């Protein structure tokens, strides 16, 4: 019998089927992962099958997410995809992240929801009117897309944040609005933001601190800081989100000079600490959690500043590394993250003898978050001050 050659199409089909079978076998024998260090997030587990899930389609969605998260060699394929899209296809954004110059990754801001934004403005103004005896300031920090303009990728649209902040300043009454955009733009050749993370660096926070100091009734030159580099291997959330892992950031801390004992108490932990830095996080993925150990409902920092001033700091995670500049100037700092706190502002203002109130958010979070307005409600009927 004469030998017949196998056609190229049959070879390709056989190779493809072998690859499919191999991947299926690997997927079956490989234990599911619960957490991705590369992406810094929890991965989907095997979905629970229920009659309701089958009827409303949620079972299919959960199964699709599970298969995507537990796909064999997922991190490797993600890196290959990033290389192909960024280098070969010349894409300048990936999963909502701009691929900027000099290794800069910048989060593309979300569009604000006008109704939710107005609720926050109304709530802040109501607190300002109710507690007029308290010095009140708001600082909404522009993000890297607004400040680091020289590092934006070519043809990226101009940020709308300066207009948003100017409009916000006009609408807030009874408080001092600190717009630090100009001062940060004047230093935007320095690393004011991490290359791989959406947060600002300690240098960025210090730049804003000096800009805000007059509004906070603080003399920034009355305290000096020693600067220490505590990590040079930080890759943040934007590296995880975009798949770009070619750059490592440096983390610095600014420690006030002189012996200044602190007591730092967390509402979700039993033991108090003697520092705002939790250096154990430097051994993990989320190194920015060095500052205050990440986000907590409330944190109470008690100092020996002896200024007869108590600050309530209502904030998002940008403020975590800002606190290091405040400890020389307040006897107590009550740090509140409304995303996790279920108390209301008047309950807390009555509990503590607050002299100063500061809202500190980054612009993207302030424009999109809905928890602040809920926190700024009154648990008892309002009484207008005479």
Protein backbone atom coordinates (compact mmCIF):
# COMPACT_ATOMS: atom_id res chain seq x y z
CA UNK A 1 0.00 0.00 0.00
CA UNK A 2 1.37 3.40 -0.98
CA UNK A 3 2.11 5.76 1.94
CA UNK A 4 -0.02 8.89 1.98
CA UNK A 5 1.20 12.21 3.37
CA UNK A 6 -0.76 13.75 6.21
CA UNK A 7 -2.11 17.13 5.17
CA UNK A 8 -0.88 20.30 6.98
CA UNK A 9 -4.45 21.06 8.06
CA UNK A 10 -4.68 17.71 9.84
CA UNK A 11 -1.34 18.32 11.56
CA UNK A 12 -2.53 21.73 12.80
CA UNK A 13 -5.83 20.25 14.01
CA UNK A 14 -4.06 17.48 15.90
CA UNK A 15 -1.62 19.91 17.50
CA UNK A 16 -4.45 22.20 18.56
CA UNK A 17 -6.41 19.31 20.10
CA UNK A 18 -3.29 18.15 21.96
CA UNK A 19 -2.77 21.65 23.37
CA UNK A 20 -6.40 21.80 24.51
CA UNK A 21 -6.14 18.41 26.20
CA UNK A 22 -2.84 19.37 27.88
CA UNK A 23 -4.26 22.63 29.22
CA UNK A 24 -7.35 20.80 30.50
CA UNK A 25 -5.18 18.25 32.31
CA UNK A 26 -2.99 20.98 33.83
CA UNK A 27 -6.09 22.93 34.92
CA UNK A 28 -7.52 19.82 36.61
CA UNK A 29 -4.38 18.80 38.49
CA UNK A 30 -3.33 22.36 39.45
CA UNK A 31 -4.87 23.58 42.74
CA UNK A 32 -6.99 26.73 42.47
CA UNK A 33 -5.31 29.94 43.61
CA UNK A 34 -7.14 32.22 46.02
CA UNK A 35 -4.97 35.32 45.54
CA UNK A 36 -2.93 36.77 42.68
CA UNK A 37 0.26 38.49 43.87
CA UNK A 38 0.75 39.92 40.37
CA UNK A 39 -2.70 41.53 40.23
CA UNK A 40 -2.98 42.13 43.99
CA UNK A 41 -6.55 40.81 44.20
CA UNK A 42 -8.60 37.80 45.25
CA UNK A 43 -9.33 35.28 42.50
CA UNK A 44 -12.72 33.71 41.84
CA UNK A 45 -13.35 30.31 43.39
CA UNK A 46 -15.39 27.43 42.01
CA UNK A 47 -18.99 28.66 41.71
CA UNK A 48 -21.82 27.16 43.71
CA UNK A 49 -24.55 25.78 41.48
CA UNK A 50 -28.11 26.63 42.46
CA UNK A 51 -31.47 26.68 40.75
CA UNK A 52 -31.69 30.46 41.13
CA UNK A 53 -28.21 30.93 39.66
CA UNK A 54 -29.12 28.82 36.65
CA UNK A 55 -32.36 30.70 36.09
CA UNK A 56 -31.03 34.27 36.42
CA UNK A 57 -27.77 33.62 34.57
CA UNK A 58 -25.48 34.41 37.52
CA UNK A 59 -24.12 30.85 37.54
CA UNK A 60 -22.84 31.30 34.01
CA UNK A 61 -21.20 34.61 34.89
CA UNK A 62 -19.53 33.11 37.97
CA UNK A 63 -18.31 30.13 35.95
CA UNK A 64 -16.87 32.40 33.27
CA UNK A 65 -15.03 34.47 35.89
CA UNK A 66 -13.75 31.30 37.59
CA UNK A 67 -12.37 29.90 34.34
CA UNK A 68 -10.75 33.22 33.51
CA UNK A 69 -9.12 33.62 36.94
CA UNK A 70 -7.96 30.00 37.24
CA UNK A 71 -6.71 29.64 33.65
CA UNK A 72 -3.40 27.76 33.51
CA UNK A 73 -0.33 30.03 33.31
CA UNK A 74 -2.61 33.06 33.56
CA UNK A 75 0.14 35.45 34.65
CA UNK A 76 2.37 34.39 31.76
CA UNK A 77 -0.38 34.91 29.18
CA UNK A 78 -1.22 38.30 30.71
CA UNK A 79 2.42 39.38 30.29
CA UNK A 80 2.45 38.17 26.69
CA UNK A 81 -0.79 40.05 26.02
CA UNK A 82 0.64 43.25 27.53
CA UNK A 83 3.80 43.00 25.43
CA UNK A 84 1.84 42.40 22.22
CA UNK A 85 -0.62 45.23 22.79
CA UNK A 86 1.85 47.82 24.12
CA UNK A 87 4.91 47.11 21.97
CA UNK A 88 3.53 45.59 18.78
CA UNK A 89 0.16 47.34 18.52
CA UNK A 90 1.47 50.55 20.15
CA UNK A 91 -1.52 50.93 22.47
CA UNK A 92 -1.10 53.77 24.98
CA UNK A 93 -3.67 52.56 27.49
CA UNK A 94 -4.50 49.21 29.07
CA UNK A 95 -7.51 48.37 31.24
CA UNK A 96 -8.18 52.00 32.13
CA UNK A 97 -4.51 52.86 32.69
CA UNK A 98 -2.41 55.19 30.55
CA UNK A 99 0.99 53.76 29.61
CA UNK A 100 2.96 56.98 30.08
CA UNK A 101 6.54 57.95 29.44
CA UNK A 102 9.52 56.96 31.62
CA UNK A 103 7.60 54.01 33.04
CA UNK A 104 4.71 56.12 34.40
CA UNK A 105 1.33 54.43 34.68
CA UNK A 106 -1.62 56.77 35.22
CA UNK A 107 -5.18 55.88 36.12
CA UNK A 108 -7.71 57.27 33.64
CA UNK A 109 -10.21 59.16 35.84
CA UNK A 110 -13.79 58.00 36.02
CA UNK A 111 -16.53 60.38 34.99
CA UNK A 112 -18.25 61.95 38.01
CA UNK A 113 -21.94 61.43 38.64
CA UNK A 114 -23.50 64.90 39.01
CA UNK A 115 -26.25 63.83 41.40
CA UNK A 116 -23.87 62.01 43.75
CA UNK A 117 -21.39 64.90 43.63
CA UNK A 118 -24.06 67.43 44.54
CA UNK A 119 -25.10 65.29 47.52
CA UNK A 120 -21.54 65.40 48.84
CA UNK A 121 -21.33 69.16 48.36
CA UNK A 122 -24.65 69.72 50.14
CA UNK A 123 -23.56 67.46 53.02
CA UNK A 124 -20.22 69.27 53.47
CA UNK A 125 -21.97 72.62 53.44
CA UNK A 126 -24.50 71.39 56.02
CA UNK A 127 -21.70 70.32 58.38
CA UNK A 128 -19.97 73.67 57.86
CA UNK A 129 -23.13 75.50 58.87
CA UNK A 130 -23.89 73.26 61.84
CA UNK A 131 -20.35 73.35 63.28
CA UNK A 132 -19.20 76.85 62.41
CA UNK A 133 -16.96 77.04 65.48
CA UNK A 134 -14.66 74.36 64.01
CA UNK A 135 -11.97 75.35 61.50
CA UNK A 136 -12.91 73.40 58.36
CA UNK A 137 -10.83 72.81 55.23
CA UNK A 138 -11.11 70.61 52.16
CA UNK A 139 -8.27 69.48 49.93
CA UNK A 140 -9.13 67.47 46.82
CA UNK A 141 -5.86 66.40 45.26
CA UNK A 142 -5.43 66.31 41.46
CA UNK A 143 -4.30 62.94 40.14
CA UNK A 144 -1.19 62.13 38.13
CA UNK A 145 -3.00 62.70 34.80
CA UNK A 146 -3.38 66.36 35.82
CA UNK A 147 -0.02 66.94 37.49
CA UNK A 148 2.46 64.78 35.57
CA UNK A 149 1.53 66.23 32.19
CA UNK A 150 4.98 65.71 30.70
CA UNK A 151 4.70 61.95 31.30
CA UNK A 152 1.35 61.47 29.59
CA UNK A 153 1.40 59.29 26.46
CA UNK A 154 1.16 61.07 23.11
CA UNK A 155 -2.35 62.16 22.11
CA UNK A 156 -3.83 61.52 25.55
CA UNK A 157 -6.69 63.99 26.12
CA UNK A 158 -6.19 66.82 28.58
CA UNK A 159 -7.50 66.19 32.09
CA UNK A 160 -10.79 67.83 33.07
CA UNK A 161 -9.86 67.88 36.75
CA UNK A 162 -8.76 71.56 36.95
CA UNK A 163 -12.22 72.65 35.81
CA UNK A 164 -13.88 70.20 38.21
CA UNK A 165 -11.83 71.51 41.15
CA UNK A 166 -12.53 75.15 40.28
CA UNK A 167 -16.26 74.40 40.15
CA UNK A 168 -16.06 72.48 43.43
CA UNK A 169 -14.31 75.42 45.10
CA UNK A 170 -17.14 77.75 44.05
CA UNK A 171 -19.84 75.45 45.40
CA UNK A 172 -18.34 74.77 48.83
CA UNK A 173 -19.33 77.42 51.37
CA UNK A 174 -18.28 77.95 54.95
CA UNK A 175 -15.01 76.05 54.59
CA UNK A 176 -11.58 76.80 53.14
CA UNK A 177 -10.88 74.99 49.87
CA UNK A 178 -7.20 74.16 49.34
CA UNK A 179 -6.40 73.81 45.66
CA UNK A 180 -2.83 72.49 45.53
CA UNK A 181 -2.77 72.04 41.73
CA UNK A 182 -0.57 75.06 41.00
CA UNK A 183 2.06 74.16 43.60
CA UNK A 184 2.19 70.54 42.49
CA UNK A 185 2.46 71.52 38.82
CA UNK A 186 5.46 73.69 39.71
CA UNK A 187 7.30 70.55 40.88
CA UNK A 188 6.01 68.05 38.33
CA UNK A 189 9.50 67.17 37.12
CA UNK A 190 9.95 65.36 40.44
CA UNK A 191 8.39 62.04 41.46
CA UNK A 192 5.21 63.35 43.08
CA UNK A 193 3.35 60.14 42.19
CA UNK A 194 4.44 56.54 42.05
CA UNK A 195 5.15 55.16 38.59
CA UNK A 196 3.23 51.94 39.22
CA UNK A 197 0.53 52.98 41.72
CA UNK A 198 -2.36 55.45 41.79
CA UNK A 199 -1.21 57.05 45.07
CA UNK A 200 1.06 60.03 45.46
CA UNK A 201 4.51 59.62 46.96
CA UNK A 202 5.56 61.06 50.30
CA UNK A 203 7.23 63.87 48.33
CA UNK A 204 3.92 64.60 46.60
CA UNK A 205 2.13 64.64 49.94
CA UNK A 206 4.79 66.91 51.44
CA UNK A 207 4.44 69.32 48.52
CA UNK A 208 0.70 69.51 49.15
CA UNK A 209 1.23 69.82 52.91
CA UNK A 210 3.34 72.94 52.50
CA UNK A 211 0.73 74.37 50.13
CA UNK A 212 -2.10 73.64 52.57
CA UNK A 213 -0.30 74.73 55.75
CA UNK A 214 -1.56 78.36 55.88
CA UNK A 215 -5.18 77.17 55.57
CA UNK A 216 -4.56 74.70 58.40
CA UNK A 217 -3.05 77.47 60.57
CA UNK A 218 0.29 75.62 60.54
CA UNK A 219 3.81 76.91 60.13
CA UNK A 220 5.43 74.17 58.00
CA UNK A 221 8.94 75.42 58.81
CA UNK A 222 8.44 74.85 62.53
CA UNK A 223 8.93 71.10 62.09
CA UNK A 224 11.81 69.34 60.33
CA UNK A 225 11.73 65.81 58.95
CA UNK A 226 14.32 63.10 58.38
CA UNK A 227 13.75 61.23 55.10
CA UNK A 228 14.35 57.48 54.93
CA UNK A 229 14.06 55.12 51.97
CA UNK A 230 12.30 51.97 53.19
CA UNK A 231 11.73 50.11 49.91
CA UNK A 232 12.96 50.18 46.34
CA UNK A 233 10.87 47.24 45.06
CA UNK A 234 7.30 48.56 45.12
CA UNK A 235 4.92 47.69 42.29
CA UNK A 236 1.45 49.06 42.91
CA UNK A 237 -2.11 48.67 41.75
CA UNK A 238 -1.59 50.19 38.30
CA UNK A 239 1.11 47.66 37.49
CA UNK A 240 -1.35 44.94 38.49
CA UNK A 241 -4.23 46.51 36.56
CA UNK A 242 -2.29 47.15 33.34
CA UNK A 243 0.01 44.14 33.34
CA UNK A 244 3.10 46.34 33.12
CA UNK A 245 5.80 45.10 35.51
CA UNK A 246 8.98 46.66 34.18
CA UNK A 247 9.42 49.39 36.81
CA UNK A 248 9.98 49.35 40.58
CA UNK A 249 9.12 52.32 42.79
CA UNK A 250 10.91 53.66 45.85
CA UNK A 251 8.98 54.38 49.06
CA UNK A 252 10.19 57.09 51.43
CA UNK A 253 8.97 58.11 54.86
CA UNK A 254 9.30 61.54 56.50
CA UNK A 255 9.91 61.18 60.22
CA UNK A 256 9.63 64.31 62.41
CA UNK A 257 12.92 65.14 64.07
CA UNK A 258 13.14 64.81 67.83
CA UNK A 259 11.62 62.27 70.18
CA UNK A 260 7.83 62.35 69.69
CA UNK A 261 6.06 59.39 71.32
CA UNK A 262 2.81 58.36 69.62
CA UNK A 263 -0.10 56.10 70.43
CA UNK A 264 -1.97 54.79 67.39
CA UNK A 265 -5.20 52.95 68.08
CA UNK A 266 -7.27 51.24 65.38
CA UNK A 267 -11.01 50.70 65.75
CA UNK A 268 -10.71 47.21 64.24
CA UNK A 269 -7.73 46.06 66.34
CA UNK A 270 -7.28 45.53 70.08
CA UNK A 271 -3.69 46.62 70.63
CA UNK A 272 -2.37 50.15 70.15
CA UNK A 273 0.88 50.80 68.31
CA UNK A 274 3.62 53.35 68.89
CA UNK A 275 4.04 54.35 65.24
CA UNK A 276 1.96 55.16 62.17
CA UNK A 277 4.22 52.89 60.09
CA UNK A 278 3.54 49.16 59.84
CA UNK A 279 6.77 47.97 58.28
CA UNK A 280 5.67 44.34 58.03
CA UNK A 281 3.76 45.32 54.89
CA UNK A 282 7.06 46.04 53.15
CA UNK A 283 7.51 42.27 52.87
CA UNK A 284 4.27 41.85 50.92
CA UNK A 285 2.70 43.08 47.72
CA UNK A 286 0.73 46.05 49.11
CA UNK A 287 3.71 48.05 50.33
CA UNK A 288 1.75 51.32 50.44
CA UNK A 289 -0.08 49.79 53.42
CA UNK A 290 3.10 50.68 55.33
CA UNK A 291 1.23 53.89 56.06
CA UNK A 292 -1.30 53.20 58.84
CA UNK A 293 -1.59 49.56 57.79
CA UNK A 294 -3.95 50.45 54.96
CA UNK A 295 -7.54 51.60 55.40
CA UNK A 296 -9.54 51.26 58.63
CA UNK A 297 -12.91 52.62 59.76
CA UNK A 298 -11.25 54.94 62.29
CA UNK A 299 -7.72 55.45 63.61
CA UNK A 300 -6.89 57.62 66.63
CA UNK A 301 -3.37 59.06 66.79
CA UNK A 302 -2.46 60.63 70.14
CA UNK A 303 0.71 62.72 70.22
CA UNK A 304 2.73 64.80 72.68
CA UNK A 305 2.54 67.96 70.55
CA UNK A 306 0.76 69.93 73.31
CA UNK A 307 -1.02 72.31 70.94
CA UNK A 308 -4.56 72.01 72.39
CA UNK A 309 -5.76 71.12 68.90
CA UNK A 310 -7.66 68.02 67.79
CA UNK A 311 -8.04 67.26 64.10
CA UNK A 312 -10.70 65.09 62.51
CA UNK A 313 -9.37 63.89 59.16
CA UNK A 314 -12.08 62.56 56.80
CA UNK A 315 -10.25 60.87 53.99
CA UNK A 316 -9.48 58.27 51.39
CA UNK A 317 -6.20 56.35 51.14
CA UNK A 318 -4.25 59.37 49.83
CA UNK A 319 -4.29 60.71 53.39
CA UNK A 320 -2.57 57.62 54.80
CA UNK A 321 0.89 58.95 53.96
CA UNK A 322 -0.15 62.55 54.70
CA UNK A 323 -0.61 61.89 58.42
CA UNK A 324 3.17 61.76 58.97
CA UNK A 325 3.29 65.54 58.40
CA UNK A 326 0.46 66.31 60.83
CA UNK A 327 1.67 64.65 64.03
CA UNK A 328 3.85 67.60 65.20
CA UNK A 329 0.87 69.99 65.06
CA UNK A 330 -2.08 68.26 66.75
CA UNK A 331 -2.55 66.60 70.12
CA UNK A 332 -4.94 64.11 68.59
CA UNK A 333 -5.82 63.13 65.03
CA UNK A 334 -9.08 61.27 64.49
CA UNK A 335 -8.81 59.60 61.07
CA UNK A 336 -12.09 58.50 59.50
CA UNK A 337 -12.57 56.55 56.28
CA UNK A 338 -16.29 56.85 55.43
CA UNK A 339 -16.09 53.84 53.11
CA UNK A 340 -15.74 51.59 56.19
CA UNK A 341 -17.11 53.68 59.06
CA UNK A 342 -20.76 53.24 60.07
CA UNK A 343 -20.92 56.11 62.55
CA UNK A 344 -22.08 59.58 61.52
CA UNK A 345 -20.10 62.80 61.63
CA UNK A 346 -22.10 64.44 64.40
CA UNK A 347 -21.76 61.35 66.62
CA UNK A 348 -17.97 61.55 66.29
CA UNK A 349 -17.74 65.33 66.61
CA UNK A 350 -19.68 65.08 69.87
CA UNK A 351 -17.43 62.27 71.14
CA UNK A 352 -14.19 64.19 70.54
CA UNK A 353 -13.37 67.80 71.32
CA UNK A 354 -12.56 68.58 67.67
CA UNK A 355 -11.03 71.95 66.86
CA UNK A 356 -10.15 71.32 63.20
CA UNK A 357 -11.83 69.34 60.43
CA UNK A 358 -10.04 68.39 57.20
CA UNK A 359 -11.44 66.57 54.17
CA UNK A 360 -8.58 65.02 52.20
CA UNK A 361 -9.36 63.05 49.04
CA UNK A 362 -7.88 62.50 45.63
CA UNK A 363 -10.04 63.92 42.86
CA UNK A 364 -10.97 60.62 41.23
CA UNK A 365 -12.24 59.10 44.47
CA UNK A 366 -14.00 62.27 45.58
CA UNK A 367 -15.89 62.55 42.30
CA UNK A 368 -17.00 58.91 42.24
CA UNK A 369 -17.37 57.79 45.88
CA UNK A 370 -20.84 57.73 47.47
CA UNK A 371 -19.97 56.96 51.10
CA UNK A 372 -19.00 60.48 52.19
CA UNK A 373 -22.52 61.89 51.94
CA UNK A 374 -23.84 59.02 54.06
CA UNK A 375 -21.23 59.66 56.77
CA UNK A 376 -22.03 63.38 56.82
CA UNK A 377 -25.65 62.80 57.83
CA UNK A 378 -26.95 63.87 61.23
CA UNK A 379 -28.14 61.20 63.65
CA UNK A 380 -30.22 63.78 65.54
CA UNK A 381 -32.23 66.82 64.43
CA UNK A 382 -30.02 69.69 63.35
CA UNK A 383 -29.92 72.82 65.49
CA UNK A 384 -28.67 75.92 63.77
CA UNK A 385 -26.02 77.78 65.74
CA UNK A 386 -27.11 81.24 66.82
